[in-house]
Amino acid sequence: MGDLGQGRADSEDTRRTIKVNRQVCLTQLTHTLNLVSLDELRVRVRALMERPAVRKFWAETGDFRSQETQTTKSNVFISILDRELATANRKADAADEVAVEVSS
């Protein structure tokens, strides 16, 4: 029975990864097609990075994606995601510290 539970967890994790990848790809596409300004792109990426699943995904795949980039536009996109990930992680760490202090 434990294996079935793990299979469901793996399946859910895979679904979440696919969904996040799709959101990142669509965000990059809007940038590549010049449908958003850099300011709007930063806002969209910042909103994505508020979600732990997106932060986890980018932390795990960002290096690979940066190695695969071939255009300046892609490099700009990657650097924005990297910056927003760092900012979101700092905010999450600060929130965790506050929660620990409150519970103490």
Protein backbone atom coordinates (compact mmCIF):
# COMPACT_ATOMS: atom_id res chain seq x y z
CA MET A 1 0.00 0.00 0.00
CA GLY A 2 2.92 2.35 0.73
CA ASP A 3 4.13 2.02 -2.86
CA LEU A 4 0.73 3.13 -4.14
CA GLY A 5 0.90 6.25 -2.00
CA GLN A 6 4.38 7.02 -3.31
CA GLY A 7 3.15 6.50 -6.87
CA ARG A 8 0.39 9.04 -6.31
CA ALA A 9 2.85 11.49 -4.77
CA ASP A 10 5.20 11.05 -7.73
CA SER A 11 2.32 11.51 -10.14
CA GLU A 12 1.20 14.70 -8.38
CA ASP A 13 4.77 16.02 -8.36
CA THR A 14 5.06 15.32 -12.09
CA ARG A 15 1.78 17.13 -12.79
CA ARG A 16 2.94 20.11 -10.74
CA THR A 17 6.28 20.21 -12.58
CA ILE A 18 4.57 20.11 -15.97
CA LYS A 19 2.18 22.90 -14.96
CA VAL A 20 4.99 25.11 -13.69
CA ASN A 21 7.10 24.44 -16.78
CA ARG A 22 4.16 25.41 -18.97
CA GLN A 23 3.70 28.67 -17.04
CA VAL A 24 7.40 29.52 -17.31
CA CYS A 25 7.42 28.70 -21.03
CA LEU A 26 4.33 30.82 -21.71
CA THR A 27 5.85 33.71 -19.78
CA GLN A 28 9.03 33.39 -21.81
CA LEU A 29 7.04 33.24 -25.04
CA THR A 30 5.22 36.49 -24.26
CA HIS A 31 8.65 38.07 -23.73
CA THR A 32 10.15 36.55 -26.89
CA LEU A 33 7.21 37.81 -28.98
CA ASN A 34 7.53 41.32 -27.46
CA LEU A 35 4.03 41.12 -26.02
CA VAL A 36 5.18 42.50 -22.65
CA SER A 37 7.62 45.18 -21.57
CA LEU A 38 10.54 44.30 -19.32
CA ASP A 39 8.70 45.91 -16.41
CA GLU A 40 5.61 43.79 -17.05
CA LEU A 41 7.79 40.70 -17.44
CA ARG A 42 9.36 41.37 -14.03
CA VAL A 43 5.91 41.71 -12.47
CA ARG A 44 4.76 38.44 -14.03
CA VAL A 45 7.91 36.59 -12.98
CA ARG A 46 7.68 38.03 -9.46
CA ALA A 47 4.10 36.72 -9.23
CA LEU A 48 5.22 33.28 -10.41
CA MET A 49 8.04 33.20 -7.86
CA GLU A 50 5.59 33.76 -5.00
CA ARG A 51 4.67 30.10 -5.40
CA PRO A 52 6.97 27.55 -3.71
CA ALA A 53 6.48 25.08 -6.59
CA VAL A 54 7.82 27.63 -9.08
CA ARG A 55 10.80 28.48 -6.88
CA LYS A 56 11.60 24.79 -6.50
CA PHE A 57 11.24 24.20 -10.24
CA TRP A 58 13.49 27.11 -11.17
CA ALA A 59 16.10 26.18 -8.55
CA GLU A 60 16.24 22.68 -10.05
CA THR A 61 16.12 23.58 -13.76
CA GLY A 62 17.43 27.13 -14.07
CA ASP A 63 21.08 26.16 -14.57
CA PHE A 64 20.17 23.73 -17.34
CA ARG A 65 17.96 26.28 -19.07
CA SER A 66 20.66 28.94 -18.87
CA GLN A 67 23.10 26.56 -20.57
CA GLU A 68 20.58 26.03 -23.35
CA THR A 69 19.96 29.70 -24.10
CA GLN A 70 21.08 30.92 -27.48
CA THR A 71 19.75 34.45 -27.71
CA THR A 72 20.20 37.68 -25.83
CA LYS A 73 16.46 37.77 -25.22
CA SER A 74 16.59 34.34 -23.58
CA ASN A 75 19.52 35.43 -21.44
CA VAL A 76 17.53 38.45 -20.26
CA PHE A 77 14.61 36.21 -19.37
CA ILE A 78 16.84 33.79 -17.47
CA SER A 79 18.51 36.59 -15.52
CA ILE A 80 15.12 38.05 -14.52
CA LEU A 81 13.99 34.64 -13.26
CA ASP A 82 17.25 34.18 -11.36
CA ARG A 83 16.95 37.61 -9.71
CA GLU A 84 13.32 37.13 -8.79
CA LEU A 85 14.07 33.67 -7.39
CA ALA A 86 16.74 35.16 -5.12
CA THR A 87 14.36 37.91 -4.00
CA ALA A 88 11.50 35.46 -3.37
CA ASN A 89 13.80 33.15 -1.39
CA ARG A 90 14.96 36.04 0.80
CA LYS A 91 11.33 36.99 1.47
CA ALA A 92 10.39 33.39 2.26
CA ASP A 93 13.37 33.05 4.62
CA ALA A 94 12.43 36.28 6.38
CA ALA A 95 8.83 35.13 6.75
CA ASP A 96 10.04 31.81 8.18
CA GLU A 97 12.22 33.65 10.71
CA VAL A 98 9.27 35.79 11.80
CA ALA A 99 7.08 32.71 12.16
CA VAL A 100 9.69 31.02 14.33
CA GLU A 101 10.03 34.11 16.52
CA VAL A 102 6.26 34.37 16.93
CA SER A 103 5.90 30.70 17.86
CA SER A 104 8.76 30.88 20.40
